[in-house]
Amino acid sequence: MITKIGIVAGEIWHYLEGHGDTSLEALIKGVDKPRDVVLMSLGWLAREGHIILEGAPNYSVSLRKKEELEGV
């Protein structure tokens, strides 16, 4: 399962690179993987500081810019 989460995390990364900031629902549809796996993958990326999640309950997801990563 860890491998699957990592692969989906990579797919999320590529999706966000190509589409920019997006809603959580659009991301789940765009990546086209099971919702629970997408959420686990987002947690992984968030924990490592690679993404920004804002605006509960209608979350917006974006990649953290390289300059922002240097301070994490």
C-alpha atoms as a PDB file:
ATOM      1  CA  MET A   1       0.000   0.000   0.000  1.00  0.00           C
ATOM      2  CA  ILE A   2       2.878   2.400   0.752  1.00  0.00           C
ATOM      3  CA  THR A   3       4.121   1.993  -2.817  1.00  0.00           C
ATOM      4  CA  LYS A   4       0.645   2.758  -4.192  1.00  0.00           C
ATOM      5  CA  ILE A   5       0.409   5.889  -2.023  1.00  0.00           C
ATOM      6  CA  GLY A   6       3.811   7.030  -3.282  1.00  0.00           C
ATOM      7  CA  ILE A   7       2.879   6.463  -6.920  1.00  0.00           C
ATOM      8  CA  VAL A   8      -0.369   8.409  -6.518  1.00  0.00           C
ATOM      9  CA  ALA A   9       1.554  11.186  -4.721  1.00  0.00           C
ATOM     10  CA  GLY A  10       3.696  11.463  -7.865  1.00  0.00           C
ATOM     11  CA  GLU A  11       0.596  11.591 -10.049  1.00  0.00           C
ATOM     12  CA  ILE A  12      -0.836  14.356  -7.841  1.00  0.00           C
ATOM     13  CA  TRP A  13       2.429  16.290  -8.149  1.00  0.00           C
ATOM     14  CA  HIS A  14       2.321  16.066 -11.946  1.00  0.00           C
ATOM     15  CA  TYR A  15      -1.357  17.002 -12.035  1.00  0.00           C
ATOM     16  CA  LEU A  16      -0.711  20.117  -9.939  1.00  0.00           C
ATOM     17  CA  GLU A  17       2.302  21.059 -12.082  1.00  0.00           C
ATOM     18  CA  GLY A  18       0.117  20.941 -15.166  1.00  0.00           C
ATOM     19  CA  HIS A  19      -3.070  22.459 -13.750  1.00  0.00           C
ATOM     20  CA  GLY A  20      -1.910  24.772 -10.966  1.00  0.00           C
ATOM     21  CA  ASP A  21      -4.066  25.417  -7.907  1.00  0.00           C
ATOM     22  CA  THR A  22      -7.140  23.219  -7.922  1.00  0.00           C
ATOM     23  CA  SER A  23      -9.994  22.138  -5.712  1.00  0.00           C
ATOM     24  CA  LEU A  24      -9.760  18.858  -3.851  1.00  0.00           C
ATOM     25  CA  GLU A  25     -12.724  17.458  -5.779  1.00  0.00           C
ATOM     26  CA  ALA A  26     -11.225  18.421  -9.161  1.00  0.00           C
ATOM     27  CA  LEU A  27      -7.923  16.827  -8.126  1.00  0.00           C
ATOM     28  CA  ILE A  28      -9.610  13.572  -7.134  1.00  0.00           C
ATOM     29  CA  LYS A  29     -11.450  13.456 -10.477  1.00  0.00           C
ATOM     30  CA  GLY A  30      -8.359  14.488 -12.430  1.00  0.00           C
ATOM     31  CA  VAL A  31      -6.054  11.895 -10.883  1.00  0.00           C
ATOM     32  CA  ASP A  32      -8.780   9.250 -11.264  1.00  0.00           C
ATOM     33  CA  LYS A  33      -7.727   7.090  -8.330  1.00  0.00           C
ATOM     34  CA  PRO A  34      -9.745   5.966  -5.301  1.00  0.00           C
ATOM     35  CA  ARG A  35     -10.570   8.907  -3.013  1.00  0.00           C
ATOM     36  CA  ASP A  36      -9.007   7.299   0.065  1.00  0.00           C
ATOM     37  CA  VAL A  37      -5.687   6.708  -1.736  1.00  0.00           C
ATOM     38  CA  VAL A  38      -5.665  10.297  -3.027  1.00  0.00           C
ATOM     39  CA  LEU A  39      -6.283  11.587   0.506  1.00  0.00           C
ATOM     40  CA  MET A  40      -3.483   9.431   1.944  1.00  0.00           C
ATOM     41  CA  SER A  41      -1.150  10.642  -0.804  1.00  0.00           C
ATOM     42  CA  LEU A  42      -2.081  14.261  -0.095  1.00  0.00           C
ATOM     43  CA  GLY A  43      -1.299  13.664   3.568  1.00  0.00           C
ATOM     44  CA  TRP A  44       2.119  12.354   2.611  1.00  0.00           C
ATOM     45  CA  LEU A  45       2.833  15.363   0.386  1.00  0.00           C
ATOM     46  CA  ALA A  46       1.523  17.779   3.032  1.00  0.00           C
ATOM     47  CA  ARG A  47       3.596  16.173   5.791  1.00  0.00           C
ATOM     48  CA  GLU A  48       6.716  16.551   3.671  1.00  0.00           C
ATOM     49  CA  GLY A  49       5.842  20.192   2.961  1.00  0.00           C
ATOM     50  CA  HIS A  50       5.373  19.793  -0.786  1.00  0.00           C
ATOM     51  CA  ILE A  51       1.788  21.041  -1.039  1.00  0.00           C
ATOM     52  CA  ILE A  52      -0.439  23.685   0.494  1.00  0.00           C
ATOM     53  CA  LEU A  53      -3.993  22.819   1.560  1.00  0.00           C
ATOM     54  CA  GLU A  54      -6.284  25.757   2.313  1.00  0.00           C
ATOM     55  CA  GLY A  55      -9.919  26.615   2.810  1.00  0.00           C
ATOM     56  CA  ALA A  56     -11.743  23.885   4.737  1.00  0.00           C
ATOM     57  CA  PRO A  57     -14.230  22.406   3.982  1.00  0.00           C
ATOM     58  CA  ASN A  58     -13.785  23.191   0.244  1.00  0.00           C
ATOM     59  CA  TYR A  59     -10.056  22.639   0.083  1.00  0.00           C
ATOM     60  CA  SER A  60      -7.770  24.197  -2.477  1.00  0.00           C
ATOM     61  CA  VAL A  61      -4.579  22.282  -3.242  1.00  0.00           C
ATOM     62  CA  SER A  62      -1.371  23.736  -4.695  1.00  0.00           C
ATOM     63  CA  LEU A  63       2.287  22.888  -4.956  1.00  0.00           C
ATOM     64  CA  ARG A  64       4.581  24.774  -2.638  1.00  0.00           C
ATOM     65  CA  LYS A  65       6.992  26.905  -4.643  1.00  0.00           C
ATOM     66  CA  LYS A  66      10.659  25.946  -4.619  1.00  0.00           C
ATOM     67  CA  GLU A  67      11.590  29.102  -2.689  1.00  0.00           C
ATOM     68  CA  GLU A  68       9.066  28.209   0.003  1.00  0.00           C
ATOM     69  CA  LEU A  69      10.486  24.673   0.289  1.00  0.00           C
ATOM     70  CA  GLU A  70      13.918  25.981   1.250  1.00  0.00           C
ATOM     71  CA  GLY A  71      12.486  27.258   4.539  1.00  0.00           C
ATOM     72  CA  VAL A  72      10.658  23.997   5.415  1.00  0.00           C
END
